[in-house]
């Protein structure tokens, strides 16, 4: 499911030199990523010290990752926290906030900001 977008993200990050970015923004893009760890690890490599990786994702009340009704991945907040930490980033902000409406109803989501020490 939509693996080409995931591959494009990784390819794009892998094409950047180490410590070359102060900010990486993935707004409404991580909904196409089942496994956050590889993207977060590449983001950490590309970020300069003090750099920020900000992203949104859909969420759910359970554990881990599911495919939601809209056929996009939804990540639990605990799963996002664990992935950020395992990538060696520090969670600076995590908020339950919808990034998108579907049929005039907010889709449950997270706004995440992680930083590289």
Protein backbone atom coordinates (compact mmCIF):
# COMPACT_ATOMS: atom_id res chain seq x y z
CA UNK A 1 0.00 0.00 0.00
CA UNK A 2 1.50 3.30 -1.16
CA UNK A 3 5.02 1.96 -0.60
CA UNK A 4 6.37 4.18 -3.38
CA UNK A 5 5.78 7.27 -1.21
CA UNK A 6 7.70 5.63 1.63
CA UNK A 7 10.51 4.73 -0.78
CA UNK A 8 10.53 8.30 -2.13
CA UNK A 9 10.89 9.69 1.39
CA UNK A 10 13.81 7.42 2.19
CA UNK A 11 15.48 8.08 -1.17
CA UNK A 12 15.09 11.82 -0.67
CA UNK A 13 16.60 11.75 2.80
CA UNK A 14 19.40 9.38 1.79
CA UNK A 15 20.36 11.82 -0.97
CA UNK A 16 21.08 14.55 1.58
CA UNK A 17 24.45 15.00 3.29
CA UNK A 18 24.80 14.37 7.01
CA UNK A 19 23.92 17.30 9.27
CA UNK A 20 22.73 19.36 6.29
CA UNK A 21 19.26 20.38 7.51
CA UNK A 22 17.94 22.47 10.36
CA UNK A 23 14.33 21.51 9.69
CA UNK A 24 12.58 18.57 8.06
CA UNK A 25 8.82 18.87 7.64
CA UNK A 26 6.53 15.98 6.71
CA UNK A 27 3.00 17.39 6.89
CA UNK A 28 0.32 14.79 6.06
CA UNK A 29 2.98 12.49 4.63
CA UNK A 30 3.71 9.98 7.40
CA UNK A 31 0.21 8.56 6.92
CA UNK A 32 1.81 6.61 4.05
CA UNK A 33 4.53 5.14 6.28
CA UNK A 34 3.93 1.98 8.28
CA UNK A 35 7.41 1.76 9.79
CA UNK A 36 8.51 5.12 11.14
CA UNK A 37 11.92 3.94 12.38
CA UNK A 38 13.83 4.02 9.04
CA UNK A 39 12.50 7.49 8.17
CA UNK A 40 13.27 8.83 11.65
CA UNK A 41 16.78 7.35 11.55
CA UNK A 42 17.51 9.01 8.20
CA UNK A 43 16.05 12.27 9.46
CA UNK A 44 18.37 12.12 12.46
CA UNK A 45 21.36 11.60 10.17
CA UNK A 46 20.43 14.57 7.99
CA UNK A 47 19.60 16.95 10.84
CA UNK A 48 22.22 19.30 12.24
CA UNK A 49 22.57 19.49 16.02
CA UNK A 50 19.49 21.24 17.37
CA UNK A 51 17.59 20.52 14.15
CA UNK A 52 13.88 19.73 14.15
CA UNK A 53 11.83 17.04 12.45
CA UNK A 54 8.17 18.02 12.45
CA UNK A 55 5.49 15.70 11.13
CA UNK A 56 1.84 14.80 11.36
CA UNK A 57 0.25 11.40 11.35
CA UNK A 58 -3.14 9.89 11.88
CA UNK A 59 -3.63 8.20 15.24
CA UNK A 60 -5.81 5.69 17.06
CA UNK A 61 -6.47 4.70 20.66
CA UNK A 62 -4.90 1.24 20.47
CA UNK A 63 -1.29 0.10 20.25
CA UNK A 64 1.16 0.19 17.38
CA UNK A 65 0.18 0.85 13.79
CA UNK A 66 -3.08 0.11 12.00
CA UNK A 67 -4.51 0.79 8.57
CA UNK A 68 -7.36 3.22 9.14
CA UNK A 69 -10.68 3.57 7.36
CA UNK A 70 -9.15 5.95 4.83
CA UNK A 71 -6.52 3.31 3.96
CA UNK A 72 -3.76 5.34 5.57
CA UNK A 73 -1.57 4.29 8.44
CA UNK A 74 -2.50 5.44 11.93
CA UNK A 75 0.12 5.37 14.70
CA UNK A 76 -0.63 5.31 18.40
CA UNK A 77 1.03 8.05 20.43
CA UNK A 78 2.96 5.44 22.44
CA UNK A 79 4.28 3.94 19.21
CA UNK A 80 5.38 7.36 17.93
CA UNK A 81 7.15 8.09 21.23
CA UNK A 82 8.99 4.78 21.10
CA UNK A 83 10.04 5.24 17.46
CA UNK A 84 11.32 8.77 18.09
CA UNK A 85 13.34 7.59 21.08
CA UNK A 86 14.75 4.54 19.27
CA UNK A 87 15.94 6.78 16.42
CA UNK A 88 18.01 8.80 18.88
CA UNK A 89 15.82 11.88 18.66
CA UNK A 90 14.23 13.74 21.56
CA UNK A 91 10.49 14.30 21.56
CA UNK A 92 9.94 18.04 21.92
CA UNK A 93 6.18 18.12 21.23
CA UNK A 94 3.40 15.61 20.72
CA UNK A 95 -0.18 16.82 20.53
CA UNK A 96 -3.48 15.21 19.58
CA UNK A 97 -4.56 17.46 16.74
CA UNK A 98 -6.22 16.74 13.42
CA UNK A 99 -4.34 17.74 10.30
CA UNK A 100 -7.24 17.00 7.96
CA UNK A 101 -11.02 16.67 7.73
CA UNK A 102 -12.87 13.95 5.87
CA UNK A 103 -16.53 14.58 5.11
CA UNK A 104 -16.35 17.61 7.42
CA UNK A 105 -15.16 15.47 10.34
CA UNK A 106 -11.65 15.89 11.82
CA UNK A 107 -9.49 12.80 11.37
CA UNK A 108 -7.76 11.92 14.67
CA UNK A 109 -4.13 12.90 14.35
CA UNK A 110 -0.87 13.80 16.01
CA UNK A 111 1.44 16.75 15.54
CA UNK A 112 4.97 15.69 16.40
CA UNK A 113 8.18 17.65 16.76
CA UNK A 114 11.42 15.80 17.47
CA UNK A 115 14.83 17.35 17.90
CA UNK A 116 18.39 16.17 17.44
CA UNK A 117 20.59 16.89 20.44
